[in-house]
Amino acid sequence: MTEKNRDWGESSNAERVARLARLWRMVADAELAPLGLTHSRWSVLWKLYRMGQKTSQKGLAEALEIELASLMRTLSQLEQQALIERHCCEHDKRVRRVSLTPAGEELLAFIRQRIIDLRAELYQGVSPEQLEAFEFVLNRISDNAVRKLHPTVTDKEEK
């Protein structure tokens, strides 16, 4: 492999990771479509579940890495479906908290099981050791990218 091809090979790893993320999303969307959930709706429910009840709208948007305005429409749709509730924070009336309703919790339990089953299907042929190594590499590259975007004073001093 020439030096030029090796350089392009590095970018193809990023392309493969991006493609994997798209494929994973497409498979999950297809799995959850019969429930009447779009990707934006089920991903908000999933993130809310993972973050815990009474998460702020702003915190939820940041965790999803989307603009608050984009999240608001999805939250309105989920509220109309009676899957979430929004209410003012007791300590700061400017802050709106989001929580799952009992119907949202019930649906999420079903979604969670389908995602767990789907993950098991997608991991077929991958050993636990391979998966652990893959997760390590993904975490290391992610950490490096975050440090590149947000260098700390210590990082700058080391250069």
Foldseek 3Di string as FASTA:
>chain_A
DDPVVVVVVVVVVVVVVVVVVVVLLVVLQVLCVVVVDHSLQLVLLVLDVVVDFFAWLVRSCVVVVHDSVVNVVSVVVCVVVQQKDWDADPVGRVTITIGGDPVNVVVNVVSVVSSVVVVVVVCPPPDPVNVVVVVVVVVVVVVVVVCVVPPDPVNVVVD
